[in-house]
mmCIF file of all heavy atoms, coordinates in Angstrom:
data_MODEL
# 
_entry.id   MODEL 
# 
loop_
_atom_site.group_PDB 
_atom_site.id 
_atom_site.type_symbol 
_atom_site.label_atom_id 
_atom_site.label_alt_id 
_atom_site.label_comp_id 
_atom_site.label_asym_id 
_atom_site.label_entity_id 
_atom_site.label_seq_id 
_atom_site.pdbx_PDB_ins_code 
_atom_site.Cartn_x 
_atom_site.Cartn_y 
_atom_site.Cartn_z 
_atom_site.occupancy 
_atom_site.B_iso_or_equiv 
_atom_site.pdbx_formal_charge 
_atom_site.auth_seq_id 
_atom_site.auth_comp_id 
_atom_site.auth_asym_id 
_atom_site.auth_atom_id 
_atom_site.pdbx_PDB_model_num 
ATOM 1   N N   . ALA A 1 1  ? 100.630 121.351 118.824 1.00 0.00 ? 1  ALA A N   1 
ATOM 2   C CA  . ALA A 1 1  ? 99.625  121.935 117.939 1.00 0.00 ? 1  ALA A CA  1 
ATOM 3   C C   . ALA A 1 1  ? 98.350  121.099 117.876 1.00 0.00 ? 1  ALA A C   1 
ATOM 4   O O   . ALA A 1 1  ? 97.245  121.645 117.777 1.00 0.00 ? 1  ALA A O   1 
ATOM 5   C CB  . ALA A 1 1  ? 100.203 122.117 116.541 1.00 0.00 ? 1  ALA A CB  1 
ATOM 6   N N   . ARG A 1 2  ? 98.465  119.797 117.959 1.00 0.00 ? 2  ARG A N   1 
ATOM 7   C CA  . ARG A 1 2  ? 97.279  118.954 117.841 1.00 0.00 ? 2  ARG A CA  1 
ATOM 8   C C   . ARG A 1 2  ? 96.397  118.998 119.078 1.00 0.00 ? 2  ARG A C   1 
ATOM 9   O O   . ARG A 1 2  ? 95.303  118.421 119.081 1.00 0.00 ? 2  ARG A O   1 
ATOM 10  C CB  . ARG A 1 2  ? 97.694  117.516 117.520 1.00 0.00 ? 2  ARG A CB  1 
ATOM 11  C CG  . ARG A 1 2  ? 98.299  117.391 116.126 1.00 0.00 ? 2  ARG A CG  1 
ATOM 12  C CD  . ARG A 1 2  ? 98.440  115.963 115.689 1.00 0.00 ? 2  ARG A CD  1 
ATOM 13  N NE  . ARG A 1 2  ? 98.973  115.873 114.339 1.00 0.00 ? 2  ARG A NE  1 
ATOM 14  C CZ  . ARG A 1 2  ? 99.103  114.741 113.652 1.00 0.00 ? 2  ARG A CZ  1 
ATOM 15  N NH1 . ARG A 1 2  ? 98.744  113.601 114.219 1.00 0.00 ? 2  ARG A NH1 1 
ATOM 16  N NH2 . ARG A 1 2  ? 99.587  114.743 112.427 1.00 0.00 ? 2  ARG A NH2 1 
ATOM 17  N N   . ASP A 1 3  ? 96.841  119.681 120.125 1.00 0.00 ? 3  ASP A N   1 
ATOM 18  C CA  . ASP A 1 3  ? 95.981  119.878 121.289 1.00 0.00 ? 3  ASP A CA  1 
ATOM 19  C C   . ASP A 1 3  ? 94.962  120.989 121.045 1.00 0.00 ? 3  ASP A C   1 
ATOM 20  O O   . ASP A 1 3  ? 94.021  121.148 121.823 1.00 0.00 ? 3  ASP A O   1 
ATOM 21  C CB  . ASP A 1 3  ? 96.824  120.235 122.522 1.00 0.00 ? 3  ASP A CB  1 
ATOM 22  C CG  . ASP A 1 3  ? 97.747  119.098 122.943 1.00 0.00 ? 3  ASP A CG  1 
ATOM 23  O OD1 . ASP A 1 3  ? 97.429  117.930 122.639 1.00 0.00 ? 3  ASP A OD1 1 
ATOM 24  O OD2 . ASP A 1 3  ? 98.778  119.378 123.579 1.00 0.00 ? 3  ASP A OD2 1 
ATOM 25  N N   . PHE A 1 4  ? 95.137  121.766 119.966 1.00 0.00 ? 4  PHE A N   1 
ATOM 26  C CA  . PHE A 1 4  ? 94.219  122.845 119.630 1.00 0.00 ? 4  PHE A CA  1 
ATOM 27  C C   . PHE A 1 4  ? 93.051  122.294 118.801 1.00 0.00 ? 4  PHE A C   1 
ATOM 28  O O   . PHE A 1 4  ? 93.102  121.170 118.298 1.00 0.00 ? 4  PHE A O   1 
ATOM 29  C CB  . PHE A 1 4  ? 94.955  123.928 118.847 1.00 0.00 ? 4  PHE A CB  1 
ATOM 30  C CG  . PHE A 1 4  ? 95.892  124.758 119.672 1.00 0.00 ? 4  PHE A CG  1 
ATOM 31  C CD1 . PHE A 1 4  ? 97.055  124.219 120.212 1.00 0.00 ? 4  PHE A CD1 1 
ATOM 32  C CD2 . PHE A 1 4  ? 95.626  126.094 119.923 1.00 0.00 ? 4  PHE A CD2 1 
ATOM 33  C CE1 . PHE A 1 4  ? 97.920  124.978 120.974 1.00 0.00 ? 4  PHE A CE1 1 
ATOM 34  C CE2 . PHE A 1 4  ? 96.488  126.870 120.684 1.00 0.00 ? 4  PHE A CE2 1 
ATOM 35  C CZ  . PHE A 1 4  ? 97.634  126.310 121.217 1.00 0.00 ? 4  PHE A CZ  1 
ATOM 36  N N   . ASP A 1 5  ? 92.003  123.107 118.676 1.00 0.00 ? 5  ASP A N   1 
ATOM 37  C CA  . ASP A 1 5  ? 90.845  122.726 117.867 1.00 0.00 ? 5  ASP A CA  1 
ATOM 38  C C   . ASP A 1 5  ? 91.167  123.023 116.411 1.00 0.00 ? 5  ASP A C   1 
ATOM 39  O O   . ASP A 1 5  ? 91.086  124.174 115.968 1.00 0.00 ? 5  ASP A O   1 
ATOM 40  C CB  . ASP A 1 5  ? 89.615  123.515 118.327 1.00 0.00 ? 5  ASP A CB  1 
ATOM 41  C CG  . ASP A 1 5  ? 88.336  123.077 117.623 1.00 0.00 ? 5  ASP A CG  1 
ATOM 42  O OD1 . ASP A 1 5  ? 88.378  122.071 116.882 1.00 0.00 ? 5  ASP A OD1 1 
ATOM 43  O OD2 . ASP A 1 5  ? 87.299  123.751 117.809 1.00 0.00 ? 5  ASP A OD2 1 
ATOM 44  N N   . LEU A 1 6  ? 91.539  122.003 115.658 1.00 0.00 ? 6  LEU A N   1 
ATOM 45  C CA  . LEU A 1 6  ? 92.049  122.162 114.297 1.00 0.00 ? 6  LEU A CA  1 
ATOM 46  C C   . LEU A 1 6  ? 91.105  121.549 113.277 1.00 0.00 ? 6  LEU A C   1 
ATOM 47  O O   . LEU A 1 6  ? 90.456  120.530 113.548 1.00 0.00 ? 6  LEU A O   1 
ATOM 48  C CB  . LEU A 1 6  ? 93.412  121.472 114.158 1.00 0.00 ? 6  LEU A CB  1 
ATOM 49  C CG  . LEU A 1 6  ? 94.515  121.835 115.145 1.00 0.00 ? 6  LEU A CG  1 
ATOM 50  C CD1 . LEU A 1 6  ? 95.726  120.953 114.893 1.00 0.00 ? 6  LEU A CD1 1 
ATOM 51  C CD2 . LEU A 1 6  ? 94.877  123.307 115.031 1.00 0.00 ? 6  LEU A CD2 1 
ATOM 52  N N   . PRO A 1 7  ? 91.046  122.102 112.070 1.00 0.00 ? 7  PRO A N   1 
ATOM 53  C CA  . PRO A 1 7  ? 90.388  121.403 110.967 1.00 0.00 ? 7  PRO A CA  1 
ATOM 54  C C   . PRO A 1 7  ? 91.151  120.118 110.644 1.00 0.00 ? 7  PRO A C   1 
ATOM 55  O O   . PRO A 1 7  ? 92.369  120.037 110.855 1.00 0.00 ? 7  PRO A O   1 
ATOM 56  C CB  . PRO A 1 7  ? 90.483  122.403 109.800 1.00 0.00 ? 7  PRO A CB  1 
ATOM 57  C CG  . PRO A 1 7  ? 90.799  123.718 110.426 1.00 0.00 ? 7  PRO A CG  1 
ATOM 58  C CD  . PRO A 1 7  ? 91.569  123.422 111.673 1.00 0.00 ? 7  PRO A CD  1 
ATOM 59  N N   . PHE A 1 8  ? 90.443  119.158 110.098 1.00 0.00 ? 8  PHE A N   1 
ATOM 60  C CA  . PHE A 1 8  ? 91.075  117.878 109.765 1.00 0.00 ? 8  PHE A CA  1 
ATOM 61  C C   . PHE A 1 8  ? 92.275  118.071 108.840 1.00 0.00 ? 8  PHE A C   1 
ATOM 62  O O   . PHE A 1 8  ? 93.348  117.500 109.065 1.00 0.00 ? 8  PHE A O   1 
ATOM 63  C CB  . PHE A 1 8  ? 90.058  116.946 109.095 1.00 0.00 ? 8  PHE A CB  1 
ATOM 64  C CG  . PHE A 1 8  ? 90.692  115.785 108.376 1.00 0.00 ? 8  PHE A CG  1 
ATOM 65  C CD1 . PHE A 1 8  ? 91.241  114.727 109.088 1.00 0.00 ? 8  PHE A CD1 1 
ATOM 66  C CD2 . PHE A 1 8  ? 90.758  115.757 106.986 1.00 0.00 ? 8  PHE A CD2 1 
ATOM 67  C CE1 . PHE A 1 8  ? 91.854  113.664 108.417 1.00 0.00 ? 8  PHE A CE1 1 
ATOM 68  C CE2 . PHE A 1 8  ? 91.356  114.702 106.324 1.00 0.00 ? 8  PHE A CE2 1 
ATOM 69  C CZ  . PHE A 1 8  ? 91.901  113.653 107.042 1.00 0.00 ? 8  PHE A CZ  1 
ATOM 70  N N   . ILE A 1 9  ? 92.100  118.897 107.797 1.00 0.00 ? 9  ILE A N   1 
ATOM 71  C CA  . ILE A 1 9  ? 93.177  119.027 106.830 1.00 0.00 ? 9  ILE A CA  1 
ATOM 72  C C   . ILE A 1 9  ? 94.405  119.668 107.457 1.00 0.00 ? 9  ILE A C   1 
ATOM 73  O O   . ILE A 1 9  ? 95.545  119.378 107.060 1.00 0.00 ? 9  ILE A O   1 
ATOM 74  C CB  . ILE A 1 9  ? 92.701  119.813 105.582 1.00 0.00 ? 9  ILE A CB  1 
ATOM 75  C CG1 . ILE A 1 9  ? 93.624  119.519 104.393 1.00 0.00 ? 9  ILE A CG1 1 
ATOM 76  C CG2 . ILE A 1 9  ? 92.600  121.292 105.866 1.00 0.00 ? 9  ILE A CG2 1 
ATOM 77  C CD1 . ILE A 1 9  ? 93.627  118.067 103.959 1.00 0.00 ? 9  ILE A CD1 1 
ATOM 78  N N   . THR A 1 10 ? 94.208  120.539 108.450 1.00 0.00 ? 10 THR A N   1 
ATOM 79  C CA  . THR A 1 10 ? 95.347  121.146 109.133 1.00 0.00 ? 10 THR A CA  1 
ATOM 80  C C   . THR A 1 10 ? 96.153  120.083 109.870 1.00 0.00 ? 10 THR A C   1 
ATOM 81  O O   . THR A 1 10 ? 97.389  120.132 109.894 1.00 0.00 ? 10 THR A O   1 
ATOM 82  C CB  . THR A 1 10 ? 94.868  122.229 110.108 1.00 0.00 ? 10 THR A CB  1 
ATOM 83  O OG1 . THR A 1 10 ? 94.121  123.212 109.376 1.00 0.00 ? 10 THR A OG1 1 
ATOM 84  C CG2 . THR A 1 10 ? 96.036  122.910 110.811 1.00 0.00 ? 10 THR A CG2 1 
ATOM 85  N N   . GLU A 1 11 ? 95.472  119.124 110.470 1.00 0.00 ? 11 GLU A N   1 
ATOM 86  C CA  . GLU A 1 11 ? 96.179  118.029 111.138 1.00 0.00 ? 11 GLU A CA  1 
ATOM 87  C C   . GLU A 1 11 ? 97.011  117.233 110.142 1.00 0.00 ? 11 GLU A C   1 
ATOM 88  O O   . GLU A 1 11 ? 98.150  116.838 110.443 1.00 0.00 ? 11 GLU A O   1 
ATOM 89  C CB  . GLU A 1 11 ? 95.178  117.116 111.839 1.00 0.00 ? 11 GLU A CB  1 
ATOM 90  C CG  . GLU A 1 11 ? 94.421  117.776 112.981 1.00 0.00 ? 11 GLU A CG  1 
ATOM 91  C CD  . GLU A 1 11 ? 93.644  116.772 113.807 1.00 0.00 ? 11 GLU A CD  1 
ATOM 92  O OE1 . GLU A 1 11 ? 94.060  115.588 113.866 1.00 0.00 ? 11 GLU A OE1 1 
ATOM 93  O OE2 . GLU A 1 11 ? 92.625  117.148 114.397 1.00 0.00 ? 11 GLU A OE2 1 
ATOM 94  N N   . VAL A 1 12 ? 96.465  117.002 108.955 1.00 0.00 ? 12 VAL A N   1 
ATOM 95  C CA  . VAL A 1 12 ? 97.201  116.265 107.926 1.00 0.00 ? 12 VAL A CA  1 
ATOM 96  C C   . VAL A 1 12 ? 98.447  117.048 107.501 1.00 0.00 ? 12 VAL A C   1 
ATOM 97  O O   . VAL A 1 12 ? 99.542  116.488 107.375 1.00 0.00 ? 12 VAL A O   1 
ATOM 98  C CB  . VAL A 1 12 ? 96.293  115.987 106.712 1.00 0.00 ? 12 VAL A CB  1 
ATOM 99  C CG1 . VAL A 1 12 ? 97.083  115.284 105.606 1.00 0.00 ? 12 VAL A CG1 1 
ATOM 100 C CG2 . VAL A 1 12 ? 95.095  115.143 107.125 1.00 0.00 ? 12 VAL A CG2 1 
ATOM 101 N N   . VAL A 1 13 ? 98.287  118.340 107.303 1.00 0.00 ? 13 VAL A N   1 
ATOM 102 C CA  . VAL A 1 13 ? 99.419  119.177 106.889 1.00 0.00 ? 13 VAL A CA  1 
ATOM 103 C C   . VAL A 1 13 ? 100.488 119.209 107.979 1.00 0.00 ? 13 VAL A C   1 
ATOM 104 O O   . VAL A 1 13 ? 101.691 119.140 107.697 1.00 0.00 ? 13 VAL A O   1 
ATOM 105 C CB  . VAL A 1 13 ? 98.946  120.601 106.554 1.00 0.00 ? 13 VAL A CB  1 
ATOM 106 C CG1 . VAL A 1 13 ? 100.138 121.503 106.250 1.00 0.00 ? 13 VAL A CG1 1 
ATOM 107 C CG2 . VAL A 1 13 ? 97.986  120.582 105.369 1.00 0.00 ? 13 VAL A CG2 1 
ATOM 108 N N   . LEU A 1 14 ? 100.068 119.298 109.241 1.00 0.00 ? 14 LEU A N   1 
ATOM 109 C CA  . LEU A 1 14 ? 101.035 119.305 110.338 1.00 0.00 ? 14 LEU A CA  1 
ATOM 110 C C   . LEU A 1 14 ? 101.882 118.043 110.345 1.00 0.00 ? 14 LEU A C   1 
ATOM 111 O O   . LEU A 1 14 ? 103.083 118.090 110.622 1.00 0.00 ? 14 LEU A O   1 
ATOM 112 C CB  . LEU A 1 14 ? 100.300 119.451 111.672 1.00 0.00 ? 14 LEU A CB  1 
ATOM 113 C CG  . LEU A 1 14 ? 99.771  120.842 112.003 1.00 0.00 ? 14 LEU A CG  1 
ATOM 114 C CD1 . LEU A 1 14 ? 98.903  120.787 113.254 1.00 0.00 ? 14 LEU A CD1 1 
ATOM 115 C CD2 . LEU A 1 14 ? 100.912 121.827 112.200 1.00 0.00 ? 14 LEU A CD2 1 
ATOM 116 N N   . ALA A 1 15 ? 101.271 116.909 110.051 1.00 0.00 ? 15 ALA A N   1 
ATOM 117 C CA  . ALA A 1 15 ? 102.035 115.663 109.993 1.00 0.00 ? 15 ALA A CA  1 
ATOM 118 C C   . ALA A 1 15 ? 103.076 115.714 108.887 1.00 0.00 ? 15 ALA A C   1 
ATOM 119 O O   . ALA A 1 15 ? 104.211 115.234 109.054 1.00 0.00 ? 15 ALA A O   1 
ATOM 120 C CB  . ALA A 1 15 ? 101.076 114.482 109.786 1.00 0.00 ? 15 ALA A CB  1 
ATOM 121 N N   . GLU A 1 16 ? 102.716 116.304 107.750 1.00 0.00 ? 16 GLU A N   1 
ATOM 122 C CA  . GLU A 1 16 ? 103.671 116.443 106.657 1.00 0.00 ? 16 GLU A CA  1 
ATOM 123 C C   . GLU A 1 16 ? 104.829 117.348 107.053 1.00 0.00 ? 16 GLU A C   1 
ATOM 124 O O   . GLU A 1 16 ? 105.995 117.064 106.758 1.00 0.00 ? 16 GLU A O   1 
ATOM 125 C CB  . GLU A 1 16 ? 102.966 117.002 105.419 1.00 0.00 ? 16 GLU A CB  1 
ATOM 126 C CG  . GLU A 1 16 ? 102.009 116.042 104.749 1.00 0.00 ? 16 GLU A CG  1 
ATOM 127 C CD  . GLU A 1 16 ? 102.725 114.939 103.989 1.00 0.00 ? 16 GLU A CD  1 
ATOM 128 O OE1 . GLU A 1 16 ? 103.886 115.153 103.572 1.00 0.00 ? 16 GLU A OE1 1 
ATOM 129 O OE2 . GLU A 1 16 ? 102.121 113.865 103.822 1.00 0.00 ? 16 GLU A OE2 1 
ATOM 130 N N   . ILE A 1 17 ? 104.521 118.449 107.732 1.00 0.00 ? 17 ILE A N   1 
ATOM 131 C CA  . ILE A 1 17 ? 105.572 119.386 108.151 1.00 0.00 ? 17 ILE A CA  1 
ATOM 132 C C   . ILE A 1 17 ? 106.503 118.716 109.160 1.00 0.00 ? 17 ILE A C   1 
ATOM 133 O O   . ILE A 1 17 ? 107.735 118.841 109.075 1.00 0.00 ? 17 ILE A O   1 
ATOM 134 C CB  . ILE A 1 17 ? 104.949 120.658 108.748 1.00 0.00 ? 17 ILE A CB  1 
ATOM 135 C CG1 . ILE A 1 17 ? 104.103 121.380 107.700 1.00 0.00 ? 17 ILE A CG1 1 
ATOM 136 C CG2 . ILE A 1 17 ? 106.031 121.579 109.306 1.00 0.00 ? 17 ILE A CG2 1 
ATOM 137 C CD1 . ILE A 1 17 ? 104.827 121.743 106.446 1.00 0.00 ? 17 ILE A CD1 1 
ATOM 138 N N   . ALA A 1 18 ? 105.939 118.007 110.122 1.00 0.00 ? 18 ALA A N   1 
ATOM 139 C CA  . ALA A 1 18 ? 106.761 117.322 111.126 1.00 0.00 ? 18 ALA A CA  1 
ATOM 140 C C   . ALA A 1 18 ? 107.700 116.317 110.472 1.00 0.00 ? 18 ALA A C   1 
ATOM 141 O O   . ALA A 1 18 ? 108.860 116.159 110.894 1.00 0.00 ? 18 ALA A O   1 
ATOM 142 C CB  . ALA A 1 18 ? 105.860 116.634 112.146 1.00 0.00 ? 18 ALA A CB  1 
ATOM 143 N N   . ALA A 1 19 ? 107.230 115.646 109.424 1.00 0.00 ? 19 ALA A N   1 
ATOM 144 C CA  . ALA A 1 19 ? 108.052 114.652 108.740 1.00 0.00 ? 19 ALA A CA  1 
ATOM 145 C C   . ALA A 1 19 ? 109.175 115.282 107.928 1.00 0.00 ? 19 ALA A C   1 
ATOM 146 O O   . ALA A 1 19 ? 110.134 114.590 107.553 1.00 0.00 ? 19 ALA A O   1 
ATOM 147 C CB  . ALA A 1 19 ? 107.168 113.797 107.832 1.00 0.00 ? 19 ALA A CB  1 
ATOM 148 N N   . ARG A 1 20 ? 109.087 116.595 107.668 1.00 0.00 ? 20 ARG A N   1 
ATOM 149 C CA  . ARG A 1 20 ? 110.074 117.252 106.823 1.00 0.00 ? 20 ARG A CA  1 
ATOM 150 C C   . ARG A 1 20 ? 111.023 118.150 107.617 1.00 0.00 ? 20 ARG A C   1 
ATOM 151 O O   . ARG A 1 20 ? 111.808 118.896 107.021 1.00 0.00 ? 20 ARG A O   1 
ATOM 152 C CB  . ARG A 1 20 ? 109.368 118.105 105.756 1.00 0.00 ? 20 ARG A CB  1 
ATOM 153 C CG  . ARG A 1 20 ? 108.590 117.295 104.730 1.00 0.00 ? 20 ARG A CG  1 
ATOM 154 C CD  . ARG A 1 20 ? 108.225 118.153 103.533 1.00 0.00 ? 20 ARG A CD  1 
ATOM 155 N NE  . ARG A 1 20 ? 109.399 118.834 102.999 1.00 0.00 ? 20 ARG A NE  1 
ATOM 156 C CZ  . ARG A 1 20 ? 110.318 118.256 102.239 1.00 0.00 ? 20 ARG A CZ  1 
ATOM 157 N NH1 . ARG A 1 20 ? 110.211 116.972 101.936 1.00 0.00 ? 20 ARG A NH1 1 
ATOM 158 N NH2 . ARG A 1 20 ? 111.352 118.953 101.807 1.00 0.00 ? 20 ARG A NH2 1 
ATOM 159 N N   . LEU A 1 21 ? 111.006 118.088 108.921 1.00 0.00 ? 21 LEU A N   1 
ATOM 160 C CA  . LEU A 1 21 ? 111.828 118.992 109.719 1.00 0.00 ? 21 LEU A CA  1 
ATOM 161 C C   . LEU A 1 21 ? 113.321 118.825 109.441 1.00 0.00 ? 21 LEU A C   1 
ATOM 162 O O   . LEU A 1 21 ? 114.081 119.798 109.513 1.00 0.00 ? 21 LEU A O   1 
ATOM 163 C CB  . LEU A 1 21 ? 111.557 118.778 111.210 1.00 0.00 ? 21 LEU A CB  1 
ATOM 164 C CG  . LEU A 1 21 ? 110.222 119.299 111.730 1.00 0.00 ? 21 LEU A CG  1 
ATOM 165 C CD1 . LEU A 1 21 ? 110.054 118.928 113.199 1.00 0.00 ? 21 LEU A CD1 1 
ATOM 166 C CD2 . LEU A 1 21 ? 110.106 120.815 111.542 1.00 0.00 ? 21 LEU A CD2 1 
ATOM 167 N N   . ASP A 1 22 ? 113.752 117.634 109.108 1.00 0.00 ? 22 ASP A N   1 
ATOM 168 C CA  . ASP A 1 22 ? 115.170 117.388 108.858 1.00 0.00 ? 22 ASP A CA  1 
ATOM 169 C C   . ASP A 1 22 ? 115.583 117.708 107.421 1.00 0.00 ? 22 ASP A C   1 
ATOM 170 O O   . ASP A 1 22 ? 116.759 117.558 107.070 1.00 0.00 ? 22 ASP A O   1 
ATOM 171 C CB  . ASP A 1 22 ? 115.516 115.934 109.172 1.00 0.00 ? 22 ASP A CB  1 
ATOM 172 C CG  . ASP A 1 22 ? 115.387 115.619 110.653 1.00 0.00 ? 22 ASP A CG  1 
ATOM 173 O OD1 . ASP A 1 22 ? 115.544 116.551 111.463 1.00 0.00 ? 22 ASP A OD1 1 
ATOM 174 O OD2 . ASP A 1 22 ? 115.105 114.451 110.993 1.00 0.00 ? 22 ASP A OD2 1 
ATOM 175 N N   . ASP A 1 23 ? 114.636 118.136 106.603 1.00 0.00 ? 23 ASP A N   1 
ATOM 176 C CA  . ASP A 1 23 ? 114.931 118.420 105.197 1.00 0.00 ? 23 ASP A CA  1 
ATOM 177 C C   . ASP A 1 23 ? 114.456 119.830 104.862 1.00 0.00 ? 23 ASP A C   1 
ATOM 178 O O   . ASP A 1 23 ? 113.272 120.058 104.608 1.00 0.00 ? 23 ASP A O   1 
ATOM 179 C CB  . ASP A 1 23 ? 114.222 117.412 104.302 1.00 0.00 ? 23 ASP A CB  1 
ATOM 180 C CG  . ASP A 1 23 ? 114.589 117.596 102.834 1.00 0.00 ? 23 ASP A CG  1 
ATOM 181 O OD1 . ASP A 1 23 ? 115.368 118.519 102.521 1.00 0.00 ? 23 ASP A OD1 1 
ATOM 182 O OD2 . ASP A 1 23 ? 114.079 116.807 101.997 1.00 0.00 ? 23 ASP A OD2 1 
ATOM 183 N N   . PRO A 1 24 ? 115.359 120.809 104.854 1.00 0.00 ? 24 PRO A N   1 
ATOM 184 C CA  . PRO A 1 24 ? 114.941 122.189 104.614 1.00 0.00 ? 24 PRO A CA  1 
ATOM 185 C C   . PRO A 1 24 ? 114.635 122.514 103.161 1.00 0.00 ? 24 PRO A C   1 
ATOM 186 O O   . PRO A 1 24 ? 114.126 123.592 102.861 1.00 0.00 ? 24 PRO A O   1 
ATOM 187 C CB  . PRO A 1 24 ? 116.153 122.994 105.095 1.00 0.00 ? 24 PRO A CB  1 
ATOM 188 C CG  . PRO A 1 24 ? 117.312 122.080 104.895 1.00 0.00 ? 24 PRO A CG  1 
ATOM 189 C CD  . PRO A 1 24 ? 116.795 120.702 105.164 1.00 0.00 ? 24 PRO A CD  1 
ATOM 190 N N   . GLY A 1 25 ? 114.906 121.594 102.258 1.00 0.00 ? 25 GLY A N   1 
ATOM 191 C CA  . GLY A 1 25 ? 114.649 121.852 100.849 1.00 0.00 ? 25 GLY A CA  1 
ATOM 192 C C   . GLY A 1 25 ? 113.195 121.616 100.488 1.00 0.00 ? 25 GLY A C   1 
ATOM 193 O O   . GLY A 1 25 ? 112.434 121.018 101.253 1.00 0.00 ? 25 GLY A O   1 
ATOM 194 N N   . PRO A 1 26 ? 112.777 122.085 99.317  1.00 0.00 ? 26 PRO A N   1 
ATOM 195 C CA  . PRO A 1 26 ? 111.393 121.864 98.875  1.00 0.00 ? 26 PRO A CA  1 
ATOM 196 C C   . PRO A 1 26 ? 111.153 120.389 98.572  1.00 0.00 ? 26 PRO A C   1 
ATOM 197 O O   . PRO A 1 26 ? 112.074 119.681 98.159  1.00 0.00 ? 26 PRO A O   1 
ATOM 198 C CB  . PRO A 1 26 ? 111.287 122.719 97.606  1.00 0.00 ? 26 PRO A CB  1 
ATOM 199 C CG  . PRO A 1 26 ? 112.688 122.825 97.104  1.00 0.00 ? 26 PRO A CG  1 
ATOM 200 C CD  . PRO A 1 26 ? 113.563 122.846 98.323  1.00 0.00 ? 26 PRO A CD  1 
# 
């Protein structure tokens, strides 16, 4: 995903999502 032209905040959110892949809970 980071190879695409992304807004800065989208990159930050993607990092958060990647860090939570092993935890399906909120």
